[in-house]
Amino acid sequence: MQTLSAKDAKYGFGRLIDLARAEPVAVAKHGRTVVVVLAVEEYERLKAVEAGAAPGGAQSEE
């Protein structure tokens, strides 16, 4: 996972978007990672995994 400084992410937002579409990108502020930016497809995949793993969220077996 690539890491950008908050300043680089701010001034190179288009680049951040392009990078995040390929793989998650960590954004660091004062040398500490504070957020991760990821493609919406990866976010939706993770939400689906979370929903399947949550109690009472078992997916049906067809």
PDB file of N, CA and C in Angstrom:
ATOM      1  N   MET A   1       0.864  -1.172   0.000  1.00  0.00           N
ATOM      2  CA  MET A   1       0.000   0.000   0.000  1.00  0.00           C
ATOM      3  C   MET A   1       0.908   1.233   0.000  1.00  0.00           C
ATOM      4  N   GLN A   2       0.611   2.126  -0.894  1.00  0.00           N
ATOM      5  CA  GLN A   2       1.368   3.375  -0.986  1.00  0.00           C
ATOM      6  C   GLN A   2       0.852   4.367   0.058  1.00  0.00           C
ATOM      7  N   THR A   3       1.745   5.221   0.539  1.00  0.00           N
ATOM      8  CA  THR A   3       1.371   6.245   1.510  1.00  0.00           C
ATOM      9  C   THR A   3       1.694   7.619   0.944  1.00  0.00           C
ATOM     10  N   LEU A   4       0.739   8.539   1.064  1.00  0.00           N
ATOM     11  CA  LEU A   4       0.937   9.932   0.683  1.00  0.00           C
ATOM     12  C   LEU A   4       0.807  10.795   1.929  1.00  0.00           C
ATOM     13  N   SER A   5       1.513  11.898   1.938  1.00  0.00           N
ATOM     14  CA  SER A   5       1.310  12.857   3.019  1.00  0.00           C
ATOM     15  C   SER A   5      -0.029  13.547   2.779  1.00  0.00           C
ATOM     16  N   ALA A   6      -0.605  14.110   3.826  1.00  0.00           N
ATOM     17  CA  ALA A   6      -1.869  14.835   3.679  1.00  0.00           C
ATOM     18  C   ALA A   6      -1.705  15.986   2.692  1.00  0.00           C
ATOM     19  N   LYS A   7      -0.571  16.647   2.737  1.00  0.00           N
ATOM     20  CA  LYS A   7      -0.298  17.759   1.819  1.00  0.00           C
ATOM     21  C   LYS A   7      -0.289  17.274   0.374  1.00  0.00           C
ATOM     22  N   ASP A   8       0.416  16.160   0.100  1.00  0.00           N
ATOM     23  CA  ASP A   8       0.456  15.620  -1.259  1.00  0.00           C
ATOM     24  C   ASP A   8      -0.929  15.166  -1.716  1.00  0.00           C
ATOM     25  N   ALA A   9      -1.703  14.579  -0.795  1.00  0.00           N
ATOM     26  CA  ALA A   9      -3.059  14.142  -1.134  1.00  0.00           C
ATOM     27  C   ALA A   9      -3.940  15.342  -1.471  1.00  0.00           C
ATOM     28  N   LYS A  10      -3.780  16.424  -0.716  1.00  0.00           N
ATOM     29  CA  LYS A  10      -4.585  17.625  -0.935  1.00  0.00           C
ATOM     30  C   LYS A  10      -4.263  18.273  -2.273  1.00  0.00           C
ATOM     31  N   TYR A  11      -2.985  18.486  -2.530  1.00  0.00           N
ATOM     32  CA  TYR A  11      -2.597  19.203  -3.741  1.00  0.00           C
ATOM     33  C   TYR A  11      -2.541  18.301  -4.981  1.00  0.00           C
ATOM     34  N   GLY A  12      -2.575  16.989  -4.771  1.00  0.00           N
ATOM     35  CA  GLY A  12      -2.580  16.045  -5.884  1.00  0.00           C
ATOM     36  C   GLY A  12      -3.781  15.129  -5.802  1.00  0.00           C
ATOM     37  N   PHE A  13      -4.962  15.732  -5.569  1.00  0.00           N
ATOM     38  CA  PHE A  13      -6.164  14.920  -5.344  1.00  0.00           C
ATOM     39  C   PHE A  13      -6.482  14.012  -6.533  1.00  0.00           C
ATOM     40  N   GLY A  14      -6.291  14.514  -7.740  1.00  0.00           N
ATOM     41  CA  GLY A  14      -6.530  13.684  -8.928  1.00  0.00           C
ATOM     42  C   GLY A  14      -5.635  12.459  -8.944  1.00  0.00           C
ATOM     43  N   ARG A  15      -4.371  12.661  -8.568  1.00  0.00           N
ATOM     44  CA  ARG A  15      -3.432  11.538  -8.500  1.00  0.00           C
ATOM     45  C   ARG A  15      -3.858  10.554  -7.416  1.00  0.00           C
ATOM     46  N   LEU A  16      -4.302  11.070  -6.270  1.00  0.00           N
ATOM     47  CA  LEU A  16      -4.780  10.213  -5.183  1.00  0.00           C
ATOM     48  C   LEU A  16      -5.920   9.317  -5.677  1.00  0.00           C
ATOM     49  N   ILE A  17      -6.854   9.906  -6.398  1.00  0.00           N
ATOM     50  CA  ILE A  17      -7.974   9.128  -6.939  1.00  0.00           C
ATOM     51  C   ILE A  17      -7.474   8.038  -7.879  1.00  0.00           C
ATOM     52  N   ASP A  18      -6.569   8.399  -8.779  1.00  0.00           N
ATOM     53  CA  ASP A  18      -6.032   7.409  -9.721  1.00  0.00           C
ATOM     54  C   ASP A  18      -5.320   6.274  -8.996  1.00  0.00           C
ATOM     55  N   LEU A  19      -4.514   6.604  -8.004  1.00  0.00           N
ATOM     56  CA  LEU A  19      -3.808   5.573  -7.236  1.00  0.00           C
ATOM     57  C   LEU A  19      -4.782   4.678  -6.484  1.00  0.00           C
ATOM     58  N   ALA A  20      -5.797   5.285  -5.862  1.00  0.00           N
ATOM     59  CA  ALA A  20      -6.751   4.531  -5.048  1.00  0.00           C
ATOM     60  C   ALA A  20      -7.621   3.594  -5.883  1.00  0.00           C
ATOM     61  N   ARG A  21      -7.783   3.900  -7.156  1.00  0.00           N
ATOM     62  CA  ARG A  21      -8.559   2.990  -8.007  1.00  0.00           C
ATOM     63  C   ARG A  21      -7.807   1.694  -8.256  1.00  0.00           C
ATOM     64  N   ALA A  22      -6.474   1.738  -8.141  1.00  0.00           N
ATOM     65  CA  ALA A  22      -5.655   0.541  -8.347  1.00  0.00           C
ATOM     66  C   ALA A  22      -5.435  -0.244  -7.057  1.00  0.00           C
ATOM     67  N   GLU A  23      -5.243   0.476  -5.938  1.00  0.00           N
ATOM     68  CA  GLU A  23      -5.028  -0.170  -4.641  1.00  0.00           C
ATOM     69  C   GLU A  23      -5.275   0.868  -3.545  1.00  0.00           C
ATOM     70  N   PRO A  24      -5.603   0.423  -2.340  1.00  0.00           N
ATOM     71  CA  PRO A  24      -5.806   1.380  -1.251  1.00  0.00           C
ATOM     72  C   PRO A  24      -4.564   2.244  -1.034  1.00  0.00           C
ATOM     73  N   VAL A  25      -4.787   3.496  -0.656  1.00  0.00           N
ATOM     74  CA  VAL A  25      -3.706   4.452  -0.417  1.00  0.00           C
ATOM     75  C   VAL A  25      -3.857   5.003   0.997  1.00  0.00           C
ATOM     76  N   ALA A  26      -2.796   4.902   1.788  1.00  0.00           N
ATOM     77  CA  ALA A  26      -2.791   5.470   3.129  1.00  0.00           C
ATOM     78  C   ALA A  26      -2.427   6.949   3.019  1.00  0.00           C
ATOM     79  N   VAL A  27      -3.070   7.770   3.851  1.00  0.00           N
ATOM     80  CA  VAL A  27      -2.754   9.191   3.917  1.00  0.00           C
ATOM     81  C   VAL A  27      -2.273   9.481   5.329  1.00  0.00           C
ATOM     82  N   ALA A  28      -1.066  10.068   5.404  1.00  0.00           N
ATOM     83  CA  ALA A  28      -0.443  10.325   6.696  1.00  0.00           C
ATOM     84  C   ALA A  28      -0.402  11.814   6.992  1.00  0.00           C
ATOM     85  N   LYS A  29      -0.626  12.138   8.256  1.00  0.00           N
ATOM     86  CA  LYS A  29      -0.552  13.516   8.722  1.00  0.00           C
ATOM     87  C   LYS A  29       0.430  13.534   9.889  1.00  0.00           C
ATOM     88  N   HIS A  30       1.435  14.372   9.779  1.00  0.00           N
ATOM     89  CA  HIS A  30       2.493  14.452  10.793  1.00  0.00           C
ATOM     90  C   HIS A  30       3.142  13.084  11.023  1.00  0.00           C
ATOM     91  N   GLY A  31       3.316  12.317   9.926  1.00  0.00           N
ATOM     92  CA  GLY A  31       3.990  11.030   9.989  1.00  0.00           C
ATOM     93  C   GLY A  31       3.147   9.880  10.497  1.00  0.00           C
ATOM     94  N   ARG A  32       1.878  10.112  10.765  1.00  0.00           N
ATOM     95  CA  ARG A  32       0.986   9.069  11.296  1.00  0.00           C
ATOM     96  C   ARG A  32      -0.153   8.824  10.316  1.00  0.00           C
ATOM     97  N   THR A  33      -0.354   7.579   9.918  1.00  0.00           N
ATOM     98  CA  THR A  33      -1.442   7.257   8.997  1.00  0.00           C
ATOM     99  C   THR A  33      -2.775   7.543   9.675  1.00  0.00           C
ATOM    100  N   VAL A  34      -3.615   8.335   8.991  1.00  0.00           N
ATOM    101  CA  VAL A  34      -4.896   8.721   9.582  1.00  0.00           C
ATOM    102  C   VAL A  34      -6.100   8.212   8.803  1.00  0.00           C
ATOM    103  N   VAL A  35      -5.947   8.001   7.504  1.00  0.00           N
ATOM    104  CA  VAL A  35      -7.045   7.461   6.704  1.00  0.00           C
ATOM    105  C   VAL A  35      -6.487   6.584   5.588  1.00  0.00           C
ATOM    106  N   VAL A  36      -7.379   5.768   5.049  1.00  0.00           N
ATOM    107  CA  VAL A  36      -7.064   4.975   3.859  1.00  0.00           C
ATOM    108  C   VAL A  36      -8.138   5.281   2.832  1.00  0.00           C
ATOM    109  N   VAL A  37      -7.712   5.570   1.615  1.00  0.00           N
ATOM    110  CA  VAL A  37      -8.631   5.864   0.519  1.00  0.00           C
ATOM    111  C   VAL A  37      -8.644   4.640  -0.391  1.00  0.00           C
ATOM    112  N   LEU A  38      -9.849   4.168  -0.735  1.00  0.00           N
ATOM    113  CA  LEU A  38      -9.941   3.003  -1.597  1.00  0.00           C
ATOM    114  C   LEU A  38     -11.066   3.146  -2.599  1.00  0.00           C
ATOM    115  N   ALA A  39     -10.989   2.367  -3.661  1.00  0.00           N
ATOM    116  CA  ALA A  39     -11.988   2.400  -4.722  1.00  0.00           C
ATOM    117  C   ALA A  39     -13.341   1.960  -4.178  1.00  0.00           C
ATOM    118  N   VAL A  40     -14.398   2.507  -4.737  1.00  0.00           N
ATOM    119  CA  VAL A  40     -15.748   2.176  -4.282  1.00  0.00           C
ATOM    120  C   VAL A  40     -16.033   0.681  -4.445  1.00  0.00           C
ATOM    121  N   GLU A  41     -15.478   0.058  -5.469  1.00  0.00           N
ATOM    122  CA  GLU A  41     -15.691  -1.384  -5.660  1.00  0.00           C
ATOM    123  C   GLU A  41     -15.107  -2.185  -4.497  1.00  0.00           C
ATOM    124  N   GLU A  42     -13.934  -1.776  -4.024  1.00  0.00           N
ATOM    125  CA  GLU A  42     -13.319  -2.462  -2.889  1.00  0.00           C
ATOM    126  C   GLU A  42     -14.114  -2.205  -1.611  1.00  0.00           C
ATOM    127  N   TYR A  43     -14.585  -0.986  -1.434  1.00  0.00           N
ATOM    128  CA  TYR A  43     -15.425  -0.654  -0.281  1.00  0.00           C
ATOM    129  C   TYR A  43     -16.682  -1.525  -0.281  1.00  0.00           C
ATOM    130  N   GLU A  44     -17.349  -1.630  -1.418  1.00  0.00           N
ATOM    131  CA  GLU A  44     -18.574  -2.440  -1.503  1.00  0.00           C
ATOM    132  C   GLU A  44     -18.282  -3.912  -1.246  1.00  0.00           C
ATOM    133  N   ARG A  45     -17.142  -4.409  -1.731  1.00  0.00           N
ATOM    134  CA  ARG A  45     -16.765  -5.798  -1.484  1.00  0.00           C
ATOM    135  C   ARG A  45     -16.563  -6.034   0.013  1.00  0.00           C
ATOM    136  N   LEU A  46     -15.879  -5.112   0.672  1.00  0.00           N
ATOM    137  CA  LEU A  46     -15.655  -5.242   2.113  1.00  0.00           C
ATOM    138  C   LEU A  46     -16.963  -5.175   2.896  1.00  0.00           C
ATOM    139  N   LYS A  47     -17.874  -4.298   2.491  1.00  0.00           N
ATOM    140  CA  LYS A  47     -19.180  -4.211   3.154  1.00  0.00           C
ATOM    141  C   LYS A  47     -19.957  -5.521   2.987  1.00  0.00           C
ATOM    142  N   ALA A  48     -19.863  -6.148   1.824  1.00  0.00           N
ATOM    143  CA  ALA A  48     -20.550  -7.418   1.594  1.00  0.00           C
ATOM    144  C   ALA A  48     -19.960  -8.515   2.470  1.00  0.00           C
ATOM    145  N   VAL A  49     -18.648  -8.530   2.603  1.00  0.00           N
ATOM    146  CA  VAL A  49     -17.991  -9.517   3.468  1.00  0.00           C
ATOM    147  C   VAL A  49     -18.426  -9.293   4.905  1.00  0.00           C
ATOM    148  N   GLU A  50     -18.445  -8.030   5.334  1.00  0.00           N
ATOM    149  CA  GLU A  50     -18.856  -7.685   6.693  1.00  0.00           C
ATOM    150  C   GLU A  50     -20.298  -8.118   6.950  1.00  0.00           C
ATOM    151  N   ALA A  51     -21.176  -7.902   6.000  1.00  0.00           N
ATOM    152  CA  ALA A  51     -22.584  -8.264   6.156  1.00  0.00           C
ATOM    153  C   ALA A  51     -22.743  -9.775   6.268  1.00  0.00           C
ATOM    154  N   GLY A  52     -21.937 -10.517   5.552  1.00  0.00           N
ATOM    155  CA  GLY A  52     -22.000 -11.979   5.609  1.00  0.00           C
ATOM    156  C   GLY A  52     -21.437 -12.537   6.889  1.00  0.00           C
ATOM    157  N   ALA A  53     -20.530 -11.812   7.527  1.00  0.00           N
ATOM    158  CA  ALA A  53     -19.872 -12.289   8.737  1.00  0.00           C
ATOM    159  C   ALA A  53     -20.559 -11.820  10.009  1.00  0.00           C
ATOM    160  N   ALA A  54     -21.445 -10.829   9.883  1.00  0.00           N
ATOM    161  CA  ALA A  54     -22.115 -10.274  11.061  1.00  0.00           C
ATOM    162  C   ALA A  54     -23.131 -11.268  11.609  1.00  0.00           C
ATOM    163  N   PRO A  55     -23.301 -11.312  12.947  1.00  0.00           N
ATOM    164  CA  PRO A  55     -24.314 -12.177  13.527  1.00  0.00           C
ATOM    165  C   PRO A  55     -25.688 -11.879  12.948  1.00  0.00           C
ATOM    166  N   GLY A  56     -26.370 -12.935  12.542  1.00  0.00           N
ATOM    167  CA  GLY A  56     -27.692 -12.755  11.961  1.00  0.00           C
ATOM    168  C   GLY A  56     -27.648 -12.315  10.508  1.00  0.00           C
ATOM    169  N   GLY A  57     -26.457 -12.121   9.962  1.00  0.00           N
ATOM    170  CA  GLY A  57     -26.320 -11.681   8.586  1.00  0.00           C
ATOM    171  C   GLY A  57     -25.872 -12.790   7.660  1.00  0.00           C
ATOM    172  N   ALA A  58     -26.123 -14.013   8.090  1.00  0.00           N
ATOM    173  CA  ALA A  58     -25.698 -15.147   7.281  1.00  0.00           C
ATOM    174  C   ALA A  58     -26.372 -15.113   5.914  1.00  0.00           C
ATOM    175  N   GLN A  59     -25.566 -15.395   4.912  1.00  0.00           N
ATOM    176  CA  GLN A  59     -26.100 -15.409   3.555  1.00  0.00           C
ATOM    177  C   GLN A  59     -26.722 -16.772   3.282  1.00  0.00           C
ATOM    178  N   SER A  60     -27.777 -16.759   2.471  1.00  0.00           N
ATOM    179  CA  SER A  60     -28.457 -18.010   2.177  1.00  0.00           C
ATOM    180  C   SER A  60     -27.617 -18.872   1.254  1.00  0.00           C
ATOM    181  N   GLU A  61     -27.730 -20.192   1.450  1.00  0.00           N
ATOM    182  CA  GLU A  61     -27.000 -21.137   0.608  1.00  0.00           C
ATOM    183  C   GLU A  61     -27.996 -21.682  -0.392  1.00  0.00           C
ATOM    184  N   GLU A  62     -27.713 -21.415  -1.666  1.00  0.00           N
ATOM    185  CA  GLU A  62     -28.638 -21.887  -2.711  1.00  0.00           C
ATOM    186  C   GLU A  62     -28.024 -22.997  -3.487  1.00  0.00           C
TER     187      GLU A  62
END
